[in-house]
């Protein structure tokens, strides 16, 4: 599915691979107090006020952060259970990797580690 010269992987979180010309509410995040959003090349990661992590889009490089999604496309926000007991304070995404800082001041990274990212 080529639109605008870019293959879409569900990184908008609407359950499809479509493009939208106007802002559209991400319904699956309704009721979640989202504090921060960060985007990579073709995936998105959100952090809630409670420190929970949601990710969606391409998992080609493992950027979604769950084994069951590896290599696939996640079209709607998926909660990362890994951080249920270790809440996240901040997130930053590179093109194909993710870094988070937890409330315990620990740094976790995942995704493509090529070139020492």
Foldseek 3Di string as FASTA:
>chain_A
DADPNDFAQLQLACQDRDDDPDDDDNVVCPPFAWDDKEDAQHKIWTAGPQQWIWIFGAQDQPARPDPVCHGHGGNHTDTDPVCPPFGWDDWYDYNFKIWTATPVRDIDIGGDCPPND
